[in-house]
């Protein structure tokens, strides 16, 4: 049983995997657990915004769309095949090539 902390559950995947994480997210939301679905393909294509920075205090900060992502703001996470997608123009984009090799 998932204990409610009012902190969202982060699901990291890609839009092509919605058939797998979608039903899980629906059940969690139905049970009053907030869910954030981070779609790696949408971030890499520029359709959704992701920002990571190190503050001058040394603190690391990440933002995905309107959500702040940190151990203080996320209750738990599910990392589900986030690289299971095709990227347009990967041959011309070194950063995307490196991402796909990690």
C-alpha atoms as a PDB file:
ATOM      1  CA  UNK A   1       0.000   0.000   0.000  1.00  0.00           C
ATOM      2  CA  UNK A   2       1.279   3.484  -0.868  1.00  0.00           C
ATOM      3  CA  UNK A   3       1.223   5.872   2.044  1.00  0.00           C
ATOM      4  CA  UNK A   4      -0.116   9.270   1.093  1.00  0.00           C
ATOM      5  CA  UNK A   5       2.395  12.073   1.595  1.00  0.00           C
ATOM      6  CA  UNK A   6       0.682  14.599  -0.681  1.00  0.00           C
ATOM      7  CA  UNK A   7       3.949  14.581  -2.657  1.00  0.00           C
ATOM      8  CA  UNK A   8       3.572  13.571  -6.300  1.00  0.00           C
ATOM      9  CA  UNK A   9       4.707  10.256  -7.715  1.00  0.00           C
ATOM     10  CA  UNK A  10       7.084  10.803 -10.647  1.00  0.00           C
ATOM     11  CA  UNK A  11       6.780   8.451 -13.634  1.00  0.00           C
ATOM     12  CA  UNK A  12       9.682   8.768 -16.094  1.00  0.00           C
ATOM     13  CA  UNK A  13       8.988   7.268 -19.515  1.00  0.00           C
ATOM     14  CA  UNK A  14       8.157   8.292 -23.072  1.00  0.00           C
ATOM     15  CA  UNK A  15       4.886   9.047 -24.817  1.00  0.00           C
ATOM     16  CA  UNK A  16       5.106   5.800 -26.796  1.00  0.00           C
ATOM     17  CA  UNK A  17       4.865   3.860 -23.520  1.00  0.00           C
ATOM     18  CA  UNK A  18       1.580   5.446 -22.377  1.00  0.00           C
ATOM     19  CA  UNK A  19      -0.176   2.086 -22.681  1.00  0.00           C
ATOM     20  CA  UNK A  20       1.941   0.836 -19.761  1.00  0.00           C
ATOM     21  CA  UNK A  21       2.133   3.808 -17.393  1.00  0.00           C
ATOM     22  CA  UNK A  22      -1.277   5.321 -18.214  1.00  0.00           C
ATOM     23  CA  UNK A  23      -3.405   2.770 -16.334  1.00  0.00           C
ATOM     24  CA  UNK A  24      -1.053   2.949 -13.325  1.00  0.00           C
ATOM     25  CA  UNK A  25      -1.220   6.753 -13.276  1.00  0.00           C
ATOM     26  CA  UNK A  26      -5.023   6.628 -13.515  1.00  0.00           C
ATOM     27  CA  UNK A  27      -5.289   4.268 -10.537  1.00  0.00           C
ATOM     28  CA  UNK A  28      -2.897   6.387  -8.468  1.00  0.00           C
ATOM     29  CA  UNK A  29      -4.786   9.590  -9.266  1.00  0.00           C
ATOM     30  CA  UNK A  30      -8.112   7.879  -8.522  1.00  0.00           C
ATOM     31  CA  UNK A  31      -6.680   7.018  -5.077  1.00  0.00           C
ATOM     32  CA  UNK A  32      -5.807  10.713  -4.573  1.00  0.00           C
ATOM     33  CA  UNK A  33      -2.051  10.363  -5.267  1.00  0.00           C
ATOM     34  CA  UNK A  34      -0.795  13.215  -7.495  1.00  0.00           C
ATOM     35  CA  UNK A  35       1.248  11.998 -10.494  1.00  0.00           C
ATOM     36  CA  UNK A  36       3.830  13.744 -12.689  1.00  0.00           C
ATOM     37  CA  UNK A  37       4.611  11.999 -15.978  1.00  0.00           C
ATOM     38  CA  UNK A  38       8.022  13.036 -17.323  1.00  0.00           C
ATOM     39  CA  UNK A  39       8.196  12.204 -21.042  1.00  0.00           C
ATOM     40  CA  UNK A  40      11.823  12.069 -22.151  1.00  0.00           C
ATOM     41  CA  UNK A  41      10.956  12.139 -25.862  1.00  0.00           C
ATOM     42  CA  UNK A  42       8.965  15.366 -25.417  1.00  0.00           C
ATOM     43  CA  UNK A  43      11.854  17.014 -23.565  1.00  0.00           C
ATOM     44  CA  UNK A  44      14.383  15.975 -26.215  1.00  0.00           C
ATOM     45  CA  UNK A  45      12.159  17.207 -29.038  1.00  0.00           C
ATOM     46  CA  UNK A  46      11.676  20.563 -27.271  1.00  0.00           C
ATOM     47  CA  UNK A  47       7.912  20.095 -26.889  1.00  0.00           C
ATOM     48  CA  UNK A  48       8.182  20.115 -23.073  1.00  0.00           C
ATOM     49  CA  UNK A  49      10.530  22.150 -20.900  1.00  0.00           C
ATOM     50  CA  UNK A  50      13.187  20.763 -18.551  1.00  0.00           C
ATOM     51  CA  UNK A  51      15.678  22.938 -16.679  1.00  0.00           C
ATOM     52  CA  UNK A  52      18.507  21.762 -14.437  1.00  0.00           C
ATOM     53  CA  UNK A  53      20.841  24.162 -12.659  1.00  0.00           C
ATOM     54  CA  UNK A  54      23.271  24.348  -9.788  1.00  0.00           C
ATOM     55  CA  UNK A  55      22.645  27.323  -7.517  1.00  0.00           C
ATOM     56  CA  UNK A  56      25.512  29.377  -6.130  1.00  0.00           C
ATOM     57  CA  UNK A  57      24.878  27.591  -2.802  1.00  0.00           C
ATOM     58  CA  UNK A  58      25.734  24.271  -4.481  1.00  0.00           C
ATOM     59  CA  UNK A  59      22.121  23.119  -4.371  1.00  0.00           C
ATOM     60  CA  UNK A  60      20.898  21.280  -7.458  1.00  0.00           C
ATOM     61  CA  UNK A  61      17.503  22.329  -8.863  1.00  0.00           C
ATOM     62  CA  UNK A  62      15.418  20.670 -11.579  1.00  0.00           C
ATOM     63  CA  UNK A  63      12.171  21.848 -13.129  1.00  0.00           C
ATOM     64  CA  UNK A  64       9.973  19.951 -15.560  1.00  0.00           C
ATOM     65  CA  UNK A  65       7.210  22.067 -17.083  1.00  0.00           C
ATOM     66  CA  UNK A  66       5.647  23.733 -14.006  1.00  0.00           C
ATOM     67  CA  UNK A  67       6.917  21.094 -11.531  1.00  0.00           C
ATOM     68  CA  UNK A  68       9.960  21.385  -9.286  1.00  0.00           C
ATOM     69  CA  UNK A  69      11.707  18.016  -8.989  1.00  0.00           C
ATOM     70  CA  UNK A  70      13.745  17.207  -5.877  1.00  0.00           C
ATOM     71  CA  UNK A  71      13.828  14.759  -3.003  1.00  0.00           C
ATOM     72  CA  UNK A  72      11.765  17.296  -1.039  1.00  0.00           C
ATOM     73  CA  UNK A  73       9.010  17.584  -3.669  1.00  0.00           C
ATOM     74  CA  UNK A  74       8.693  13.998  -5.000  1.00  0.00           C
ATOM     75  CA  UNK A  75       7.297  11.196  -2.839  1.00  0.00           C
ATOM     76  CA  UNK A  76       8.455   8.311  -5.047  1.00  0.00           C
ATOM     77  CA  UNK A  77       9.422   7.579  -8.642  1.00  0.00           C
ATOM     78  CA  UNK A  78       9.029   4.914 -11.327  1.00  0.00           C
ATOM     79  CA  UNK A  79      11.673   4.860 -14.078  1.00  0.00           C
ATOM     80  CA  UNK A  80      10.021   3.058 -17.005  1.00  0.00           C
ATOM     81  CA  UNK A  81      11.886   2.564 -20.313  1.00  0.00           C
ATOM     82  CA  UNK A  82      12.453   6.294 -20.879  1.00  0.00           C
ATOM     83  CA  UNK A  83      14.576   5.779 -24.005  1.00  0.00           C
ATOM     84  CA  UNK A  84      12.101   3.577 -25.865  1.00  0.00           C
ATOM     85  CA  UNK A  85      11.386   6.010 -28.728  1.00  0.00           C
ATOM     86  CA  UNK A  86      12.753   7.367 -31.996  1.00  0.00           C
ATOM     87  CA  UNK A  87      14.350  10.795 -32.205  1.00  0.00           C
ATOM     88  CA  UNK A  88      14.132  12.804 -35.411  1.00  0.00           C
ATOM     89  CA  UNK A  89      17.465  14.091 -36.753  1.00  0.00           C
ATOM     90  CA  UNK A  90      19.542  12.110 -34.243  1.00  0.00           C
ATOM     91  CA  UNK A  91      22.329  11.820 -36.822  1.00  0.00           C
ATOM     92  CA  UNK A  92      22.841  15.602 -36.665  1.00  0.00           C
ATOM     93  CA  UNK A  93      22.525  16.137 -32.908  1.00  0.00           C
ATOM     94  CA  UNK A  94      25.511  15.035 -30.787  1.00  0.00           C
ATOM     95  CA  UNK A  95      23.751  15.547 -27.427  1.00  0.00           C
ATOM     96  CA  UNK A  96      20.894  13.270 -28.478  1.00  0.00           C
ATOM     97  CA  UNK A  97      23.374  10.662 -29.733  1.00  0.00           C
ATOM     98  CA  UNK A  98      25.150  10.699 -26.381  1.00  0.00           C
ATOM     99  CA  UNK A  99      21.843  10.405 -24.514  1.00  0.00           C
ATOM    100  CA  UNK A 100      20.855   7.357 -26.527  1.00  0.00           C
ATOM    101  CA  UNK A 101      24.201   5.650 -25.723  1.00  0.00           C
ATOM    102  CA  UNK A 102      23.943   6.122 -21.957  1.00  0.00           C
END
